[in-house]
């Protein structure tokens, strides 16, 4: 089943990061920006803890593009501290399937708390 909206794809990709499902991440990444499988780094020392969607622009069932702004919180076992990743991600829909394209805007540096 494909995600009906860009936000739903964002949520499913977050879950894929949490369980280290590289195959799903690559399959839902747009071919124009998709890294080679060997370049996709899933850090086993990072435990993804929570996803907060902070905004969306378009990306609905009738759209062909959209953005999702989010904060993903994690625990870094290597450094024994919490952190978060903030990003506004761009998505496109082609042939009825949503794909992650990449950051829509330059993200700030990771915030470690």
PDB file of N, CA and C in Angstrom:
ATOM      1  N   UNK A   1       0.841  -1.186   0.000  1.00  0.00           N
ATOM      2  CA  UNK A   1       0.000   0.000   0.000  1.00  0.00           C
ATOM      3  C   UNK A   1       0.884   1.248   0.000  1.00  0.00           C
ATOM      4  N   UNK A   2       0.543   2.200  -0.833  1.00  0.00           N
ATOM      5  CA  UNK A   2       1.316   3.432  -0.893  1.00  0.00           C
ATOM      6  C   UNK A   2       0.675   4.479   0.015  1.00  0.00           C
ATOM      7  N   UNK A   3       1.495   5.395   0.485  1.00  0.00           N
ATOM      8  CA  UNK A   3       1.017   6.461   1.368  1.00  0.00           C
ATOM      9  C   UNK A   3       0.104   7.405   0.582  1.00  0.00           C
ATOM     10  N   UNK A   4      -1.045   7.789   1.152  1.00  0.00           N
ATOM     11  CA  UNK A   4      -1.966   8.673   0.434  1.00  0.00           C
ATOM     12  C   UNK A   4      -1.549  10.141   0.454  1.00  0.00           C
ATOM     13  N   UNK A   5      -0.649  10.510   1.370  1.00  0.00           N
ATOM     14  CA  UNK A   5      -0.213  11.905   1.477  1.00  0.00           C
ATOM     15  C   UNK A   5       1.288  11.954   1.753  1.00  0.00           C
ATOM     16  N   UNK A   6       1.862  13.115   1.541  1.00  0.00           N
ATOM     17  CA  UNK A   6       3.287  13.309   1.849  1.00  0.00           C
ATOM     18  C   UNK A   6       3.539  13.119   3.344  1.00  0.00           C
ATOM     19  N   UNK A   7       2.633  13.607   4.182  1.00  0.00           N
ATOM     20  CA  UNK A   7       2.819  13.445   5.626  1.00  0.00           C
ATOM     21  C   UNK A   7       2.818  11.972   6.031  1.00  0.00           C
ATOM     22  N   UNK A   8       1.928  11.193   5.461  1.00  0.00           N
ATOM     23  CA  UNK A   8       1.900   9.766   5.803  1.00  0.00           C
ATOM     24  C   UNK A   8       3.189   9.081   5.353  1.00  0.00           C
ATOM     25  N   UNK A   9       3.729   9.500   4.199  1.00  0.00           N
ATOM     26  CA  UNK A   9       5.006   8.922   3.761  1.00  0.00           C
ATOM     27  C   UNK A   9       6.111   9.335   4.722  1.00  0.00           C
ATOM     28  N   UNK A  10       6.093  10.584   5.180  1.00  0.00           N
ATOM     29  CA  UNK A  10       7.099  11.036   6.152  1.00  0.00           C
ATOM     30  C   UNK A  10       7.041  10.183   7.406  1.00  0.00           C
ATOM     31  N   UNK A  11       5.856   9.925   7.902  1.00  0.00           N
ATOM     32  CA  UNK A  11       5.698   9.117   9.112  1.00  0.00           C
ATOM     33  C   UNK A  11       6.199   7.682   8.885  1.00  0.00           C
ATOM     34  N   UNK A  12       5.899   7.118   7.743  1.00  0.00           N
ATOM     35  CA  UNK A  12       6.346   5.746   7.480  1.00  0.00           C
ATOM     36  C   UNK A  12       7.862   5.687   7.297  1.00  0.00           C
ATOM     37  N   UNK A  13       8.438   6.714   6.716  1.00  0.00           N
ATOM     38  CA  UNK A  13       9.899   6.743   6.571  1.00  0.00           C
ATOM     39  C   UNK A  13      10.577   6.907   7.934  1.00  0.00           C
ATOM     40  N   UNK A  14       9.988   7.690   8.819  1.00  0.00           N
ATOM     41  CA  UNK A  14      10.526   7.801  10.173  1.00  0.00           C
ATOM     42  C   UNK A  14      10.529   6.422  10.837  1.00  0.00           C
ATOM     43  N   UNK A  15       9.431   5.705  10.704  1.00  0.00           N
ATOM     44  CA  UNK A  15       9.356   4.351  11.270  1.00  0.00           C
ATOM     45  C   UNK A  15      10.420   3.448  10.662  1.00  0.00           C
ATOM     46  N   UNK A  16      10.672   3.606   9.365  1.00  0.00           N
ATOM     47  CA  UNK A  16      11.707   2.802   8.710  1.00  0.00           C
ATOM     48  C   UNK A  16      13.095   3.134   9.255  1.00  0.00           C
ATOM     49  N   UNK A  17      13.348   4.396   9.536  1.00  0.00           N
ATOM     50  CA  UNK A  17      14.620   4.751  10.185  1.00  0.00           C
ATOM     51  C   UNK A  17      14.704   4.092  11.561  1.00  0.00           C
ATOM     52  N   UNK A  18      13.597   4.105  12.300  1.00  0.00           N
ATOM     53  CA  UNK A  18      13.584   3.559  13.655  1.00  0.00           C
ATOM     54  C   UNK A  18      13.889   2.067  13.680  1.00  0.00           C
ATOM     55  N   UNK A  19      13.474   1.338  12.645  1.00  0.00           N
ATOM     56  CA  UNK A  19      13.720  -0.114  12.610  1.00  0.00           C
ATOM     57  C   UNK A  19      14.822  -0.486  11.613  1.00  0.00           C
ATOM     58  N   UNK A  20      15.520   0.520  11.089  1.00  0.00           N
ATOM     59  CA  UNK A  20      16.643   0.324  10.152  1.00  0.00           C
ATOM     60  C   UNK A  20      16.230  -0.445   8.898  1.00  0.00           C
ATOM     61  N   UNK A  21      15.102  -0.065   8.310  1.00  0.00           N
ATOM     62  CA  UNK A  21      14.607  -0.698   7.081  1.00  0.00           C
ATOM     63  C   UNK A  21      15.139   0.066   5.871  1.00  0.00           C
ATOM     64  N   UNK A  22      16.376  -0.211   5.507  1.00  0.00           N
ATOM     65  CA  UNK A  22      17.030   0.494   4.394  1.00  0.00           C
ATOM     66  C   UNK A  22      16.299   0.274   3.079  1.00  0.00           C
ATOM     67  N   UNK A  23      15.781  -0.909   2.851  1.00  0.00           N
ATOM     68  CA  UNK A  23      15.091  -1.203   1.590  1.00  0.00           C
ATOM     69  C   UNK A  23      13.882  -0.286   1.400  1.00  0.00           C
ATOM     70  N   UNK A  24      13.109  -0.075   2.451  1.00  0.00           N
ATOM     71  CA  UNK A  24      11.947   0.805   2.354  1.00  0.00           C
ATOM     72  C   UNK A  24      12.375   2.248   2.126  1.00  0.00           C
ATOM     73  N   UNK A  25      13.400   2.683   2.852  1.00  0.00           N
ATOM     74  CA  UNK A  25      13.879   4.051   2.686  1.00  0.00           C
ATOM     75  C   UNK A  25      14.312   4.305   1.246  1.00  0.00           C
ATOM     76  N   UNK A  26      15.045   3.379   0.674  1.00  0.00           N
ATOM     77  CA  UNK A  26      15.501   3.546  -0.705  1.00  0.00           C
ATOM     78  C   UNK A  26      14.333   3.489  -1.685  1.00  0.00           C
ATOM     79  N   UNK A  27      13.372   2.610  -1.448  1.00  0.00           N
ATOM     80  CA  UNK A  27      12.225   2.463  -2.355  1.00  0.00           C
ATOM     81  C   UNK A  27      11.333   3.694  -2.356  1.00  0.00           C
ATOM     82  N   UNK A  28      11.316   4.447  -1.264  1.00  0.00           N
ATOM     83  CA  UNK A  28      10.453   5.626  -1.173  1.00  0.00           C
ATOM     84  C   UNK A  28      11.217   6.928  -1.412  1.00  0.00           C
ATOM     85  N   UNK A  29      12.478   6.824  -1.811  1.00  0.00           N
ATOM     86  CA  UNK A  29      13.319   7.977  -2.126  1.00  0.00           C
ATOM     87  C   UNK A  29      13.245   8.192  -3.632  1.00  0.00           C
ATOM     88  N   UNK A  30      13.042   9.407  -4.080  1.00  0.00           N
ATOM     89  CA  UNK A  30      12.926   9.677  -5.511  1.00  0.00           C
ATOM     90  C   UNK A  30      14.208   9.259  -6.225  1.00  0.00           C
ATOM     91  N   UNK A  31      14.081   8.569  -7.364  1.00  0.00           N
ATOM     92  CA  UNK A  31      15.275   8.101  -8.077  1.00  0.00           C
ATOM     93  C   UNK A  31      16.272   9.198  -8.435  1.00  0.00           C
ATOM     94  N   UNK A  32      15.802  10.423  -8.635  1.00  0.00           N
ATOM     95  CA  UNK A  32      16.706  11.518  -9.013  1.00  0.00           C
ATOM     96  C   UNK A  32      17.635  11.935  -7.873  1.00  0.00           C
ATOM     97  N   UNK A  33      17.242  11.671  -6.632  1.00  0.00           N
ATOM     98  CA  UNK A  33      18.046  12.099  -5.490  1.00  0.00           C
ATOM     99  C   UNK A  33      18.451  10.943  -4.576  1.00  0.00           C
ATOM    100  N   UNK A  34      18.025   9.741  -4.901  1.00  0.00           N
ATOM    101  CA  UNK A  34      18.289   8.559  -4.065  1.00  0.00           C
ATOM    102  C   UNK A  34      19.776   8.243  -4.013  1.00  0.00           C
ATOM    103  N   UNK A  35      20.314   8.030  -2.816  1.00  0.00           N
ATOM    104  CA  UNK A  35      21.718   7.631  -2.712  1.00  0.00           C
ATOM    105  C   UNK A  35      21.880   6.157  -3.097  1.00  0.00           C
ATOM    106  N   UNK A  36      23.089   5.776  -3.381  1.00  0.00           N
ATOM    107  CA  UNK A  36      23.368   4.355  -3.585  1.00  0.00           C
ATOM    108  C   UNK A  36      23.151   3.652  -2.250  1.00  0.00           C
ATOM    109  N   UNK A  37      22.770   2.389  -2.303  1.00  0.00           N
ATOM    110  CA  UNK A  37      22.493   1.643  -1.074  1.00  0.00           C
ATOM    111  C   UNK A  37      23.659   1.729  -0.096  1.00  0.00           C
ATOM    112  N   UNK A  38      24.872   1.673  -0.608  1.00  0.00           N
ATOM    113  CA  UNK A  38      26.053   1.701   0.259  1.00  0.00           C
ATOM    114  C   UNK A  38      26.229   3.048   0.944  1.00  0.00           C
ATOM    115  N   UNK A  39      25.639   4.098   0.379  1.00  0.00           N
ATOM    116  CA  UNK A  39      25.779   5.439   0.951  1.00  0.00           C
ATOM    117  C   UNK A  39      24.729   5.747   2.025  1.00  0.00           C
ATOM    118  N   UNK A  40      23.718   4.881   2.132  1.00  0.00           N
ATOM    119  CA  UNK A  40      22.674   5.091   3.132  1.00  0.00           C
ATOM    120  C   UNK A  40      23.178   4.573   4.469  1.00  0.00           C
ATOM    121  N   UNK A  41      23.413   5.487   5.377  1.00  0.00           N
ATOM    122  CA  UNK A  41      23.984   5.120   6.674  1.00  0.00           C
ATOM    123  C   UNK A  41      22.880   5.126   7.723  1.00  0.00           C
ATOM    124  N   UNK A  42      22.660   3.953   8.311  1.00  0.00           N
ATOM    125  CA  UNK A  42      21.726   3.826   9.424  1.00  0.00           C
ATOM    126  C   UNK A  42      22.572   3.516  10.654  1.00  0.00           C
ATOM    127  N   UNK A  43      22.638   4.469  11.553  1.00  0.00           N
ATOM    128  CA  UNK A  43      23.513   4.352  12.714  1.00  0.00           C
ATOM    129  C   UNK A  43      22.866   3.476  13.783  1.00  0.00           C
ATOM    130  N   UNK A  44      23.449   2.319  14.088  1.00  0.00           N
ATOM    131  CA  UNK A  44      22.848   1.439  15.100  1.00  0.00           C
ATOM    132  C   UNK A  44      22.894   2.024  16.513  1.00  0.00           C
ATOM    133  N   UNK A  45      23.695   3.061  16.721  1.00  0.00           N
ATOM    134  CA  UNK A  45      23.779   3.687  18.042  1.00  0.00           C
ATOM    135  C   UNK A  45      22.744   4.793  18.246  1.00  0.00           C
ATOM    136  N   UNK A  46      21.959   5.072  17.213  1.00  0.00           N
ATOM    137  CA  UNK A  46      20.921   6.097  17.317  1.00  0.00           C
ATOM    138  C   UNK A  46      19.563   5.414  17.459  1.00  0.00           C
ATOM    139  N   UNK A  47      18.877   5.749  18.532  1.00  0.00           N
ATOM    140  CA  UNK A  47      17.535   5.222  18.783  1.00  0.00           C
ATOM    141  C   UNK A  47      16.543   6.360  18.567  1.00  0.00           C
ATOM    142  N   UNK A  48      15.746   6.236  17.505  1.00  0.00           N
ATOM    143  CA  UNK A  48      14.762   7.274  17.199  1.00  0.00           C
ATOM    144  C   UNK A  48      13.619   7.147  18.190  1.00  0.00           C
ATOM    145  N   UNK A  49      13.268   8.249  18.837  1.00  0.00           N
ATOM    146  CA  UNK A  49      12.309   8.195  19.939  1.00  0.00           C
ATOM    147  C   UNK A  49      10.947   8.825  19.639  1.00  0.00           C
ATOM    148  N   UNK A  50      10.934   9.895  18.860  1.00  0.00           N
ATOM    149  CA  UNK A  50       9.657  10.583  18.640  1.00  0.00           C
ATOM    150  C   UNK A  50       9.717  11.453  17.395  1.00  0.00           C
ATOM    151  N   UNK A  51       8.613  11.478  16.689  1.00  0.00           N
ATOM    152  CA  UNK A  51       8.468  12.337  15.515  1.00  0.00           C
ATOM    153  C   UNK A  51       7.351  13.329  15.784  1.00  0.00           C
ATOM    154  N   UNK A  52       7.646  14.588  15.531  1.00  0.00           N
ATOM    155  CA  UNK A  52       6.637  15.639  15.650  1.00  0.00           C
ATOM    156  C   UNK A  52       6.551  16.353  14.309  1.00  0.00           C
ATOM    157  N   UNK A  53       5.385  16.304  13.696  1.00  0.00           N
ATOM    158  CA  UNK A  53       5.146  17.048  12.455  1.00  0.00           C
ATOM    159  C   UNK A  53       4.764  18.463  12.865  1.00  0.00           C
ATOM    160  N   UNK A  54       5.536  19.446  12.405  1.00  0.00           N
ATOM    161  CA  UNK A  54       5.291  20.829  12.808  1.00  0.00           C
ATOM    162  C   UNK A  54       4.620  21.658  11.725  1.00  0.00           C
ATOM    163  N   UNK A  55       4.502  21.099  10.521  1.00  0.00           N
ATOM    164  CA  UNK A  55       3.813  21.821   9.464  1.00  0.00           C
ATOM    165  C   UNK A  55       3.836  21.062   8.157  1.00  0.00           C
ATOM    166  N   UNK A  56       2.863  21.349   7.323  1.00  0.00           N
ATOM    167  CA  UNK A  56       2.818  20.770   5.972  1.00  0.00           C
ATOM    168  C   UNK A  56       2.369  21.854   5.005  1.00  0.00           C
ATOM    169  N   UNK A  57       2.816  21.725   3.779  1.00  0.00           N
ATOM    170  CA  UNK A  57       2.346  22.575   2.694  1.00  0.00           C
ATOM    171  C   UNK A  57       1.990  21.658   1.542  1.00  0.00           C
ATOM    172  N   UNK A  58       0.740  21.691   1.142  1.00  0.00           N
ATOM    173  CA  UNK A  58       0.246  20.806   0.095  1.00  0.00           C
ATOM    174  C   UNK A  58       0.554  19.351   0.482  1.00  0.00           C
ATOM    175  N   UNK A  59       0.784  18.490  -0.479  1.00  0.00           N
ATOM    176  CA  UNK A  59       1.094  17.098  -0.185  1.00  0.00           C
ATOM    177  C   UNK A  59      -0.117  16.241   0.112  1.00  0.00           C
ATOM    178  N   UNK A  60      -1.296  16.718  -0.225  1.00  0.00           N
ATOM    179  CA  UNK A  60      -2.520  15.961   0.023  1.00  0.00           C
ATOM    180  C   UNK A  60      -2.808  14.953  -1.072  1.00  0.00           C
ATOM    181  N   UNK A  61      -3.920  14.236  -0.958  1.00  0.00           N
ATOM    182  CA  UNK A  61      -4.264  13.194  -1.923  1.00  0.00           C
ATOM    183  C   UNK A  61      -4.441  13.690  -3.355  1.00  0.00           C
ATOM    184  N   UNK A  62      -4.739  14.977  -3.522  1.00  0.00           N
ATOM    185  CA  UNK A  62      -4.946  15.527  -4.861  1.00  0.00           C
ATOM    186  C   UNK A  62      -3.775  16.370  -5.357  1.00  0.00           C
ATOM    187  N   UNK A  63      -2.682  16.414  -4.587  1.00  0.00           N
ATOM    188  CA  UNK A  63      -1.511  17.208  -4.959  1.00  0.00           C
ATOM    189  C   UNK A  63      -0.434  16.344  -5.594  1.00  0.00           C
ATOM    190  N   UNK A  64       0.483  16.989  -6.296  1.00  0.00           N
ATOM    191  CA  UNK A  64       1.619  16.282  -6.890  1.00  0.00           C
ATOM    192  C   UNK A  64       2.936  16.646  -6.221  1.00  0.00           C
ATOM    193  N   UNK A  65       2.893  17.563  -5.258  1.00  0.00           N
ATOM    194  CA  UNK A  65       4.095  17.961  -4.525  1.00  0.00           C
ATOM    195  C   UNK A  65       3.670  18.496  -3.171  1.00  0.00           C
ATOM    196  N   UNK A  66       4.613  18.502  -2.252  1.00  0.00           N
ATOM    197  CA  UNK A  66       4.324  19.034  -0.933  1.00  0.00           C
ATOM    198  C   UNK A  66       5.561  19.032  -0.069  1.00  0.00           C
ATOM    199  N   UNK A  67       5.451  19.680   1.073  1.00  0.00           N
ATOM    200  CA  UNK A  67       6.543  19.675   2.042  1.00  0.00           C
ATOM    201  C   UNK A  67       5.989  19.272   3.405  1.00  0.00           C
ATOM    202  N   UNK A  68       6.871  18.679   4.199  1.00  0.00           N
ATOM    203  CA  UNK A  68       6.540  18.306   5.570  1.00  0.00           C
ATOM    204  C   UNK A  68       7.675  18.792   6.448  1.00  0.00           C
ATOM    205  N   UNK A  69       7.319  19.611   7.426  1.00  0.00           N
ATOM    206  CA  UNK A  69       8.302  20.105   8.385  1.00  0.00           C
ATOM    207  C   UNK A  69       8.189  19.252   9.640  1.00  0.00           C
ATOM    208  N   UNK A  70       9.335  18.813  10.167  1.00  0.00           N
ATOM    209  CA  UNK A  70       9.286  17.913  11.310  1.00  0.00           C
ATOM    210  C   UNK A  70      10.462  18.120  12.252  1.00  0.00           C
ATOM    211  N   UNK A  71      10.294  17.559  13.456  1.00  0.00           N
ATOM    212  CA  UNK A  71      11.361  17.436  14.439  1.00  0.00           C
ATOM    213  C   UNK A  71      11.394  15.959  14.817  1.00  0.00           C
ATOM    214  N   UNK A  72      12.534  15.318  14.624  1.00  0.00           N
ATOM    215  CA  UNK A  72      12.708  13.911  14.996  1.00  0.00           C
ATOM    216  C   UNK A  72      13.672  13.860  16.173  1.00  0.00           C
ATOM    217  N   UNK A  73      13.211  13.307  17.266  1.00  0.00           N
ATOM    218  CA  UNK A  73      14.036  13.241  18.478  1.00  0.00           C
ATOM    219  C   UNK A  73      14.638  11.854  18.612  1.00  0.00           C
ATOM    220  N   UNK A  74      15.870  11.818  19.132  1.00  0.00           N
ATOM    221  CA  UNK A  74      16.587  10.543  19.217  1.00  0.00           C
ATOM    222  C   UNK A  74      17.500  10.509  20.441  1.00  0.00           C
ATOM    223  N   UNK A  75      17.974   9.308  20.729  1.00  0.00           N
ATOM    224  CA  UNK A  75      18.980   9.068  21.754  1.00  0.00           C
ATOM    225  C   UNK A  75      20.223   8.567  21.046  1.00  0.00           C
ATOM    226  N   UNK A  76      21.349   9.201  21.287  1.00  0.00           N
ATOM    227  CA  UNK A  76      22.627   8.804  20.696  1.00  0.00           C
ATOM    228  C   UNK A  76      23.427   8.059  21.758  1.00  0.00           C
ATOM    229  N   UNK A  77      23.517   6.735  21.616  1.00  0.00           N
ATOM    230  CA  UNK A  77      24.199   5.908  22.622  1.00  0.00           C
ATOM    231  C   UNK A  77      25.703   6.148  22.627  1.00  0.00           C
ATOM    232  N   UNK A  78      26.271   6.513  21.499  1.00  0.00           N
ATOM    233  CA  UNK A  78      27.706   6.776  21.440  1.00  0.00           C
ATOM    234  C   UNK A  78      28.099   7.923  22.366  1.00  0.00           C
ATOM    235  N   UNK A  79      27.330   9.000  22.277  1.00  0.00           N
ATOM    236  CA  UNK A  79      27.632  10.195  23.069  1.00  0.00           C
ATOM    237  C   UNK A  79      26.779  10.293  24.330  1.00  0.00           C
ATOM    238  N   UNK A  80      25.893   9.309  24.507  1.00  0.00           N
ATOM    239  CA  UNK A  80      25.016   9.240  25.681  1.00  0.00           C
ATOM    240  C   UNK A  80      24.275  10.560  25.911  1.00  0.00           C
ATOM    241  N   UNK A  81      23.581  10.991  24.856  1.00  0.00           N
ATOM    242  CA  UNK A  81      22.785  12.215  24.978  1.00  0.00           C
ATOM    243  C   UNK A  81      21.653  12.214  23.955  1.00  0.00           C
ATOM    244  N   UNK A  82      20.681  13.059  24.262  1.00  0.00           N
ATOM    245  CA  UNK A  82      19.539  13.242  23.371  1.00  0.00           C
ATOM    246  C   UNK A  82      19.891  14.252  22.285  1.00  0.00           C
ATOM    247  N   UNK A  83      19.150  14.174  21.205  1.00  0.00           N
ATOM    248  CA  UNK A  83      19.315  15.144  20.138  1.00  0.00           C
ATOM    249  C   UNK A  83      18.049  15.227  19.320  1.00  0.00           C
ATOM    250  N   UNK A  84      18.045  16.110  18.365  1.00  0.00           N
ATOM    251  CA  UNK A  84      16.903  16.212  17.466  1.00  0.00           C
ATOM    252  C   UNK A  84      17.364  16.668  16.101  1.00  0.00           C
ATOM    253  N   UNK A  85      16.616  16.233  15.115  1.00  0.00           N
ATOM    254  CA  UNK A  85      16.853  16.652  13.743  1.00  0.00           C
ATOM    255  C   UNK A  85      15.622  17.415  13.291  1.00  0.00           C
ATOM    256  N   UNK A  86      15.851  18.608  12.759  1.00  0.00           N
ATOM    257  CA  UNK A  86      14.770  19.436  12.217  1.00  0.00           C
ATOM    258  C   UNK A  86      14.979  19.541  10.715  1.00  0.00           C
ATOM    259  N   UNK A  87      13.891  19.395   9.987  1.00  0.00           N
ATOM    260  CA  UNK A  87      13.995  19.479   8.531  1.00  0.00           C
ATOM    261  C   UNK A  87      12.636  19.822   7.940  1.00  0.00           C
ATOM    262  N   UNK A  88      12.664  20.506   6.828  1.00  0.00           N
ATOM    263  CA  UNK A  88      11.494  20.631   5.973  1.00  0.00           C
ATOM    264  C   UNK A  88      11.814  19.808   4.738  1.00  0.00           C
ATOM    265  N   UNK A  89      11.091  18.710   4.569  1.00  0.00           N
ATOM    266  CA  UNK A  89      11.361  17.761   3.488  1.00  0.00           C
ATOM    267  C   UNK A  89      10.426  17.999   2.311  1.00  0.00           C
ATOM    268  N   UNK A  90      10.962  17.824   1.108  1.00  0.00           N
ATOM    269  CA  UNK A  90      10.177  17.957  -0.112  1.00  0.00           C
ATOM    270  C   UNK A  90       9.767  16.568  -0.600  1.00  0.00           C
ATOM    271  N   UNK A  91       8.531  16.476  -1.087  1.00  0.00           N
ATOM    272  CA  UNK A  91       7.978  15.230  -1.601  1.00  0.00           C
ATOM    273  C   UNK A  91       7.311  15.502  -2.947  1.00  0.00           C
ATOM    274  N   UNK A  92       7.326  14.499  -3.811  1.00  0.00           N
ATOM    275  CA  UNK A  92       6.592  14.574  -5.075  1.00  0.00           C
ATOM    276  C   UNK A  92       5.796  13.282  -5.242  1.00  0.00           C
ATOM    277  N   UNK A  93       4.707  13.392  -5.984  1.00  0.00           N
ATOM    278  CA  UNK A  93       3.901  12.212  -6.285  1.00  0.00           C
ATOM    279  C   UNK A  93       3.966  11.963  -7.780  1.00  0.00           C
ATOM    280  N   UNK A  94       4.364  10.752  -8.121  1.00  0.00           N
ATOM    281  CA  UNK A  94       4.446  10.342  -9.524  1.00  0.00           C
ATOM    282  C   UNK A  94       3.735   9.014  -9.690  1.00  0.00           C
ATOM    283  N   UNK A  95       2.868   8.952 -10.688  1.00  0.00           N
ATOM    284  CA  UNK A  95       2.093   7.737 -10.952  1.00  0.00           C
ATOM    285  C   UNK A  95       1.387   7.232  -9.694  1.00  0.00           C
ATOM    286  N   UNK A  96       0.881   8.178  -8.890  1.00  0.00           N
ATOM    287  CA  UNK A  96       0.119   7.826  -7.709  1.00  0.00           C
ATOM    288  C   UNK A  96       0.937   7.469  -6.481  1.00  0.00           C
ATOM    289  N   UNK A  97       2.251   7.532  -6.575  1.00  0.00           N
ATOM    290  CA  UNK A  97       3.100   7.182  -5.425  1.00  0.00           C
ATOM    291  C   UNK A  97       3.911   8.389  -4.982  1.00  0.00           C
ATOM    292  N   UNK A  98       3.917   8.613  -3.662  1.00  0.00           N
ATOM    293  CA  UNK A  98       4.707   9.688  -3.084  1.00  0.00           C
ATOM    294  C   UNK A  98       6.148   9.237  -2.903  1.00  0.00           C
ATOM    295  N   UNK A  99       7.074  10.177  -3.149  1.00  0.00           N
ATOM    296  CA  UNK A  99       8.505   9.934  -2.962  1.00  0.00           C
ATOM    297  C   UNK A  99       9.115  11.090  -2.173  1.00  0.00           C
ATOM    298  N   UNK A 100      10.062  10.751  -1.317  1.00  0.00           N
ATOM    299  CA  UNK A 100      10.884  11.753  -0.643  1.00  0.00           C
ATOM    300  C   UNK A 100      11.914  12.251  -1.644  1.00  0.00           C
ATOM    301  N   UNK A 101      12.078  13.577  -1.749  1.00  0.00           N
ATOM    302  CA  UNK A 101      13.055  14.165  -2.662  1.00  0.00           C
ATOM    303  C   UNK A 101      14.304  14.590  -1.907  1.00  0.00           C
ATOM    304  N   UNK A 102      14.117  15.271  -0.787  1.00  0.00           N
ATOM    305  CA  UNK A 102      15.238  15.760   0.000  1.00  0.00           C
ATOM    306  C   UNK A 102      14.815  16.964   0.798  1.00  0.00           C
ATOM    307  N   UNK A 103      15.760  17.590   1.480  1.00  0.00           N
ATOM    308  CA  UNK A 103      15.425  18.796   2.241  1.00  0.00           C
ATOM    309  C   UNK A 103      14.932  19.897   1.311  1.00  0.00           C
ATOM    310  N   UNK A 104      13.829  20.537   1.700  1.00  0.00           N
ATOM    311  CA  UNK A 104      13.286  21.644   0.914  1.00  0.00           C
ATOM    312  C   UNK A 104      14.008  22.932   1.243  1.00  0.00           C
ATOM    313  N   UNK A 105      14.597  22.983   2.418  1.00  0.00           N
ATOM    314  CA  UNK A 105      15.334  24.154   2.874  1.00  0.00           C
ATOM    315  C   UNK A 105      16.531  23.656   3.654  1.00  0.00           C
ATOM    316  N   UNK A 106      17.543  24.464   3.714  1.00  0.00           N
ATOM    317  CA  UNK A 106      18.732  24.063   4.476  1.00  0.00           C
ATOM    318  C   UNK A 106      18.373  23.932   5.946  1.00  0.00           C
ATOM    319  N   UNK A 107      18.580  22.743   6.509  1.00  0.00           N
ATOM    320  CA  UNK A 107      18.303  22.591   7.932  1.00  0.00           C
ATOM    321  C   UNK A 107      19.388  23.246   8.769  1.00  0.00           C
ATOM    322  N   UNK A 108      19.030  23.596   9.961  1.00  0.00           N
ATOM    323  CA  UNK A 108      20.025  24.111  10.897  1.00  0.00           C
ATOM    324  C   UNK A 108      20.855  22.966  11.434  1.00  0.00           C
ATOM    325  N   UNK A 109      21.851  23.279  12.233  1.00  0.00           N
ATOM    326  CA  UNK A 109      22.668  22.218  12.793  1.00  0.00           C
ATOM    327  C   UNK A 109      21.850  21.378  13.767  1.00  0.00           C
ATOM    328  N   UNK A 110      22.209  20.098  13.938  1.00  0.00           N
ATOM    329  CA  UNK A 110      21.496  19.277  14.914  1.00  0.00           C
ATOM    330  C   UNK A 110      21.589  19.913  16.306  1.00  0.00           C
ATOM    331  N   UNK A 111      20.509  19.792  17.031  1.00  0.00           N
ATOM    332  CA  UNK A 111      20.485  20.347  18.378  1.00  0.00           C
ATOM    333  C   UNK A 111      20.631  19.194  19.349  1.00  0.00           C
ATOM    334  N   UNK A 112      21.641  19.250  20.163  1.00  0.00           N
ATOM    335  CA  UNK A 112      21.855  18.199  21.169  1.00  0.00           C
ATOM    336  C   UNK A 112      21.502  18.786  22.526  1.00  0.00           C
ATOM    337  N   UNK A 113      20.671  18.057  23.264  1.00  0.00           N
ATOM    338  CA  UNK A 113      20.255  18.540  24.585  1.00  0.00           C
ATOM    339  C   UNK A 113      20.719  17.591  25.667  1.00  0.00           C
TER     340      UNK A 113
END
